[in-house]
Amino acid sequence: MAMSHAMDEPQKSLKDLSADERERLVAVHERLRDAVRNYDKFLGVELKPGVEVPVHSLEEMGAAQAEVQEVEAELWRLREELLGWRRPGWAPSATSVSDWFSDEDSDYDDYPLPSSA
């Protein structure tokens, strides 16, 4: 019995979209690029002797990460609506936070957030 790949392949192609539908996709892609660019400033950098270690606000980083996740979810929702694409289970998150930390670092999640001064 042949297996159908209907779930893996788009039901429509990008060329089948109207100008308005393409504009909607482009706008969400631009929002995601901007959100990722904003989030990138919180990612680690090479530490060098004599250079101060950058310190970031946990709240600002969390807000930037949430924005990436929100826009990414909107992009996948729009892809499904317009093209019939479903997000594959293997698709990594745009933030890829799980790649940064090992299992040994999970105990940092248990620390309380610093109080606002």
N, C-alpha and C. Protein backbone atom coordinates (compact mmCIF):
# COMPACT_ATOMS: atom_id res chain seq x y z
N MET A 1 0.84 -1.18 0.00
CA MET A 1 0.00 0.00 0.00
C MET A 1 0.89 1.24 0.00
N ALA A 2 0.66 2.12 -0.93
CA ALA A 2 1.43 3.35 -1.02
C ALA A 2 0.98 4.33 0.05
N MET A 3 1.95 4.99 0.67
CA MET A 3 1.62 5.97 1.71
C MET A 3 1.50 7.34 1.07
N SER A 4 0.53 8.08 1.49
CA SER A 4 0.33 9.44 0.99
C SER A 4 1.24 10.40 1.75
N HIS A 5 1.77 11.36 1.04
CA HIS A 5 2.61 12.37 1.66
C HIS A 5 1.89 13.71 1.71
N ALA A 6 0.57 13.67 1.72
CA ALA A 6 -0.20 14.91 1.68
C ALA A 6 0.12 15.84 2.84
N MET A 7 0.41 15.29 4.01
CA MET A 7 0.71 16.14 5.17
C MET A 7 2.09 16.77 5.06
N ASP A 8 3.00 16.11 4.31
CA ASP A 8 4.37 16.59 4.22
C ASP A 8 4.55 17.64 3.13
N GLU A 9 3.65 17.69 2.17
CA GLU A 9 3.80 18.58 1.03
C GLU A 9 2.74 19.67 1.07
N PRO A 10 3.10 20.86 0.62
CA PRO A 10 2.11 21.94 0.63
C PRO A 10 0.95 21.61 -0.31
N GLN A 11 -0.23 22.03 0.09
CA GLN A 11 -1.39 21.83 -0.76
C GLN A 11 -1.43 22.90 -1.85
N LYS A 12 -0.76 24.00 -1.60
CA LYS A 12 -0.63 25.08 -2.57
C LYS A 12 0.84 25.47 -2.61
N SER A 13 1.25 26.06 -3.70
CA SER A 13 2.62 26.57 -3.75
C SER A 13 2.57 28.08 -3.56
N LEU A 14 3.71 28.67 -3.32
CA LEU A 14 3.79 30.11 -3.12
C LEU A 14 3.27 30.87 -4.33
N LYS A 15 3.49 30.33 -5.53
CA LYS A 15 3.04 31.03 -6.75
C LYS A 15 1.51 31.03 -6.87
N ASP A 16 0.82 30.18 -6.12
CA ASP A 16 -0.64 30.14 -6.15
C ASP A 16 -1.29 31.20 -5.27
N LEU A 17 -0.49 31.88 -4.48
CA LEU A 17 -1.03 32.88 -3.55
C LEU A 17 -1.36 34.17 -4.28
N SER A 18 -2.36 34.86 -3.76
CA SER A 18 -2.68 36.18 -4.30
C SER A 18 -1.63 37.17 -3.80
N ALA A 19 -1.63 38.34 -4.37
CA ALA A 19 -0.68 39.38 -3.95
C ALA A 19 -0.87 39.71 -2.47
N ASP A 20 -2.12 39.78 -2.02
CA ASP A 20 -2.41 40.07 -0.62
C ASP A 20 -1.89 38.96 0.30
N GLU A 21 -2.08 37.72 -0.11
CA GLU A 21 -1.61 36.60 0.70
C GLU A 21 -0.09 36.59 0.78
N ARG A 22 0.58 36.86 -0.33
CA ARG A 22 2.05 36.94 -0.31
C ARG A 22 2.52 38.07 0.59
N GLU A 23 1.84 39.20 0.52
CA GLU A 23 2.19 40.34 1.39
C GLU A 23 2.05 39.97 2.86
N ARG A 24 1.01 39.23 3.19
CA ARG A 24 0.83 38.79 4.58
C ARG A 24 1.99 37.92 5.03
N LEU A 25 2.40 36.97 4.18
CA LEU A 25 3.53 36.11 4.52
C LEU A 25 4.83 36.90 4.65
N VAL A 26 5.06 37.81 3.71
CA VAL A 26 6.28 38.63 3.74
C VAL A 26 6.32 39.46 5.02
N ALA A 27 5.19 40.03 5.39
CA ALA A 27 5.14 40.87 6.59
C ALA A 27 5.48 40.07 7.85
N VAL A 28 4.97 38.85 7.95
CA VAL A 28 5.27 38.03 9.12
C VAL A 28 6.73 37.59 9.10
N HIS A 29 7.26 37.26 7.91
CA HIS A 29 8.68 36.92 7.80
C HIS A 29 9.55 38.09 8.26
N GLU A 30 9.20 39.30 7.87
CA GLU A 30 9.97 40.48 8.28
C GLU A 30 9.89 40.68 9.78
N ARG A 31 8.69 40.49 10.34
CA ARG A 31 8.55 40.60 11.80
C ARG A 31 9.41 39.57 12.51
N LEU A 32 9.46 38.34 11.97
CA LEU A 32 10.27 37.30 12.60
C LEU A 32 11.76 37.64 12.50
N ARG A 33 12.20 38.12 11.35
CA ARG A 33 13.61 38.52 11.21
C ARG A 33 13.95 39.63 12.20
N ASP A 34 13.06 40.61 12.35
CA ASP A 34 13.31 41.70 13.31
C ASP A 34 13.35 41.17 14.74
N ALA A 35 12.43 40.27 15.08
CA ALA A 35 12.37 39.72 16.44
C ALA A 35 13.64 38.91 16.73
N VAL A 36 14.09 38.12 15.76
CA VAL A 36 15.32 37.33 15.95
C VAL A 36 16.51 38.25 16.06
N ARG A 37 16.56 39.29 15.26
CA ARG A 37 17.67 40.26 15.33
C ARG A 37 17.70 40.91 16.72
N ASN A 38 16.55 41.27 17.26
CA ASN A 38 16.47 41.84 18.60
C ASN A 38 16.91 40.83 19.65
N TYR A 39 16.54 39.60 19.48
CA TYR A 39 16.89 38.54 20.43
C TYR A 39 18.38 38.20 20.37
N ASP A 40 18.99 38.32 19.19
CA ASP A 40 20.40 37.96 19.02
C ASP A 40 21.32 38.71 19.96
N LYS A 41 20.95 39.92 20.35
CA LYS A 41 21.85 40.69 21.22
C LYS A 41 21.99 40.04 22.60
N PHE A 42 21.10 39.11 22.93
CA PHE A 42 21.17 38.43 24.22
C PHE A 42 21.97 37.13 24.16
N LEU A 43 22.36 36.72 22.96
CA LEU A 43 23.10 35.48 22.82
C LEU A 43 24.53 35.66 23.26
N GLY A 44 25.16 34.58 23.60
CA GLY A 44 26.52 34.62 24.10
C GLY A 44 27.51 35.10 23.06
N VAL A 45 28.56 35.68 23.55
CA VAL A 45 29.66 36.14 22.71
C VAL A 45 30.94 35.54 23.27
N GLU A 46 31.96 35.53 22.45
CA GLU A 46 33.24 35.02 22.92
C GLU A 46 33.77 35.93 24.03
N LEU A 47 34.16 35.31 25.12
CA LEU A 47 34.73 36.06 26.23
C LEU A 47 36.23 36.22 26.00
N LYS A 48 36.71 37.45 26.14
CA LYS A 48 38.13 37.74 25.91
C LYS A 48 38.70 38.42 27.13
N PRO A 49 39.97 38.16 27.43
CA PRO A 49 40.60 38.82 28.57
C PRO A 49 40.55 40.34 28.42
N GLY A 50 40.22 41.00 29.51
CA GLY A 50 40.21 42.45 29.52
C GLY A 50 38.93 43.07 28.99
N VAL A 51 38.01 42.26 28.51
CA VAL A 51 36.74 42.77 27.99
C VAL A 51 35.64 42.39 28.98
N GLU A 52 34.83 43.38 29.34
CA GLU A 52 33.77 43.12 30.31
C GLU A 52 32.75 42.14 29.74
N VAL A 53 32.25 41.30 30.61
CA VAL A 53 31.21 40.35 30.23
C VAL A 53 29.90 41.11 30.13
N PRO A 54 29.19 40.99 29.00
CA PRO A 54 27.93 41.71 28.88
C PRO A 54 26.89 41.20 29.86
N VAL A 55 26.14 42.13 30.43
CA VAL A 55 25.07 41.78 31.37
C VAL A 55 23.76 42.25 30.76
N HIS A 56 22.78 41.37 30.80
CA HIS A 56 21.48 41.69 30.20
C HIS A 56 20.37 41.56 31.22
N SER A 57 19.31 42.28 30.99
CA SER A 57 18.13 42.19 31.83
C SER A 57 17.38 40.90 31.51
N LEU A 58 17.11 40.11 32.53
CA LEU A 58 16.37 38.87 32.37
C LEU A 58 14.98 39.13 31.80
N GLU A 59 14.36 40.20 32.25
CA GLU A 59 13.02 40.53 31.77
C GLU A 59 13.04 40.91 30.29
N GLU A 60 14.05 41.70 29.88
CA GLU A 60 14.15 42.10 28.47
C GLU A 60 14.44 40.89 27.59
N MET A 61 15.31 40.01 28.06
CA MET A 61 15.62 38.81 27.30
C MET A 61 14.39 37.92 27.17
N GLY A 62 13.66 37.77 28.25
CA GLY A 62 12.44 36.96 28.22
C GLY A 62 11.40 37.54 27.28
N ALA A 63 11.27 38.85 27.27
CA ALA A 63 10.31 39.51 26.37
C ALA A 63 10.74 39.33 24.91
N ALA A 64 12.04 39.43 24.65
CA ALA A 64 12.53 39.24 23.28
C ALA A 64 12.31 37.80 22.82
N GLN A 65 12.55 36.86 23.70
CA GLN A 65 12.34 35.45 23.36
C GLN A 65 10.85 35.19 23.12
N ALA A 66 10.00 35.74 23.96
CA ALA A 66 8.55 35.56 23.79
C ALA A 66 8.07 36.13 22.47
N GLU A 67 8.64 37.27 22.07
CA GLU A 67 8.27 37.89 20.79
C GLU A 67 8.65 36.98 19.62
N VAL A 68 9.84 36.39 19.67
CA VAL A 68 10.26 35.47 18.61
C VAL A 68 9.28 34.30 18.54
N GLN A 69 8.96 33.73 19.69
CA GLN A 69 8.07 32.57 19.71
C GLN A 69 6.67 32.91 19.21
N GLU A 70 6.18 34.08 19.59
CA GLU A 70 4.85 34.52 19.16
C GLU A 70 4.79 34.71 17.64
N VAL A 71 5.77 35.40 17.10
CA VAL A 71 5.79 35.67 15.66
C VAL A 71 6.02 34.38 14.88
N GLU A 72 6.88 33.52 15.40
CA GLU A 72 7.13 32.24 14.75
C GLU A 72 5.85 31.40 14.69
N ALA A 73 5.09 31.38 15.78
CA ALA A 73 3.81 30.65 15.80
C ALA A 73 2.84 31.25 14.79
N GLU A 74 2.82 32.59 14.68
CA GLU A 74 1.96 33.25 13.71
C GLU A 74 2.36 32.88 12.28
N LEU A 75 3.66 32.80 12.01
CA LEU A 75 4.12 32.42 10.68
C LEU A 75 3.67 31.01 10.33
N TRP A 76 3.82 30.09 11.25
CA TRP A 76 3.38 28.71 10.97
C TRP A 76 1.87 28.65 10.82
N ARG A 77 1.12 29.41 11.61
CA ARG A 77 -0.33 29.43 11.48
C ARG A 77 -0.73 29.94 10.10
N LEU A 78 -0.06 30.99 9.64
CA LEU A 78 -0.35 31.57 8.34
C LEU A 78 0.04 30.61 7.21
N ARG A 79 1.17 29.95 7.36
CA ARG A 79 1.57 28.95 6.35
C ARG A 79 0.52 27.85 6.23
N GLU A 80 0.01 27.41 7.37
CA GLU A 80 -1.01 26.36 7.33
C GLU A 80 -2.29 26.88 6.69
N GLU A 81 -2.69 28.09 7.05
CA GLU A 81 -3.91 28.69 6.50
C GLU A 81 -3.81 28.89 4.99
N LEU A 82 -2.70 29.46 4.53
CA LEU A 82 -2.58 29.83 3.13
C LEU A 82 -2.07 28.71 2.22
N LEU A 83 -1.21 27.86 2.76
CA LEU A 83 -0.54 26.87 1.91
C LEU A 83 -0.88 25.42 2.27
N GLY A 84 -1.50 25.24 3.42
CA GLY A 84 -1.78 23.88 3.87
C GLY A 84 -0.56 23.20 4.49
N TRP A 85 0.48 24.00 4.81
CA TRP A 85 1.69 23.44 5.42
C TRP A 85 1.45 23.26 6.91
N ARG A 86 1.95 22.18 7.44
CA ARG A 86 1.94 21.98 8.89
C ARG A 86 3.38 21.97 9.38
N ARG A 87 3.57 22.51 10.55
CA ARG A 87 4.92 22.55 11.10
C ARG A 87 5.36 21.13 11.44
N PRO A 88 6.49 20.69 10.86
CA PRO A 88 6.98 19.35 11.18
C PRO A 88 7.50 19.29 12.61
N GLY A 89 7.37 18.14 13.23
CA GLY A 89 7.83 17.97 14.60
C GLY A 89 9.32 18.21 14.78
N TRP A 90 10.09 18.02 13.73
CA TRP A 90 11.54 18.19 13.82
C TRP A 90 11.99 19.65 13.63
N ALA A 91 11.07 20.54 13.27
CA ALA A 91 11.45 21.93 13.00
C ALA A 91 11.91 22.60 14.29
N PRO A 92 13.16 23.08 14.33
CA PRO A 92 13.65 23.71 15.55
C PRO A 92 13.02 25.09 15.75
N SER A 93 12.98 25.51 16.98
CA SER A 93 12.49 26.85 17.31
C SER A 93 13.47 27.89 16.81
N ALA A 94 12.96 29.04 16.46
CA ALA A 94 13.83 30.13 16.01
C ALA A 94 14.78 30.57 17.11
N THR A 95 14.43 30.37 18.34
CA THR A 95 15.32 30.76 19.43
C THR A 95 16.34 29.67 19.76
N SER A 96 16.01 28.43 19.45
CA SER A 96 16.91 27.29 19.69
C SER A 96 17.49 27.30 21.10
N VAL A 97 16.71 27.73 22.08
CA VAL A 97 17.21 27.82 23.45
C VAL A 97 17.67 26.46 23.97
N SER A 98 16.98 25.41 23.59
CA SER A 98 17.34 24.09 24.11
C SER A 98 18.73 23.68 23.68
N ASP A 99 19.25 24.26 22.60
CA ASP A 99 20.60 23.93 22.15
C ASP A 99 21.67 24.61 22.98
N TRP A 100 21.33 25.65 23.70
CA TRP A 100 22.35 26.39 24.46
C TRP A 100 22.71 25.73 25.77
N PHE A 101 21.73 25.09 26.39
CA PHE A 101 21.91 24.62 27.75
C PHE A 101 21.93 23.10 27.82
N SER A 102 22.76 22.60 28.68
CA SER A 102 22.81 21.16 28.91
C SER A 102 21.85 20.81 30.03
N ASP A 103 21.64 19.51 30.25
CA ASP A 103 20.76 19.07 31.35
C ASP A 103 21.27 19.56 32.70
N GLU A 104 22.59 19.70 32.83
CA GLU A 104 23.16 20.17 34.10
C GLU A 104 22.76 21.61 34.40
N ASP A 105 22.42 22.37 33.39
CA ASP A 105 22.05 23.77 33.59
C ASP A 105 20.58 23.95 33.95
N SER A 106 19.80 22.87 33.92
CA SER A 106 18.35 23.00 34.16
C SER A 106 18.03 23.51 35.55
N ASP A 107 18.94 23.33 36.53
CA ASP A 107 18.65 23.81 37.88
C ASP A 107 18.58 25.33 37.96
N TYR A 108 19.11 26.04 36.94
CA TYR A 108 18.99 27.50 36.92
C TYR A 108 17.54 27.93 36.80
N ASP A 109 16.70 27.07 36.25
CA ASP A 109 15.27 27.39 36.14
C ASP A 109 14.60 27.51 37.50
N ASP A 110 15.22 26.94 38.54
CA ASP A 110 14.63 26.95 39.87
C ASP A 110 14.96 28.20 40.66
N TYR A 111 15.87 29.03 40.17
CA TYR A 111 16.23 30.24 40.89
C TYR A 111 15.14 31.29 40.71
N PRO A 112 14.83 32.03 41.76
CA PRO A 112 13.80 33.08 41.64
C PRO A 112 14.29 34.24 40.80
N LEU A 113 13.37 34.91 40.15
CA LEU A 113 13.70 36.12 39.39
C LEU A 113 14.09 37.22 40.36
N PRO A 114 15.05 38.06 40.00
CA PRO A 114 15.41 39.18 40.87
C PRO A 114 14.24 40.15 40.98
N SER A 115 14.06 40.71 42.15
CA SER A 115 12.97 41.67 42.32
C SER A 115 13.33 42.98 41.66
N SER A 116 12.32 43.69 41.18
CA SER A 116 12.55 44.99 40.55
C SER A 116 12.89 46.01 41.60
N ALA A 117 13.87 46.83 41.30
CA ALA A 117 14.29 47.83 42.28
C ALA A 117 13.57 49.13 42.06
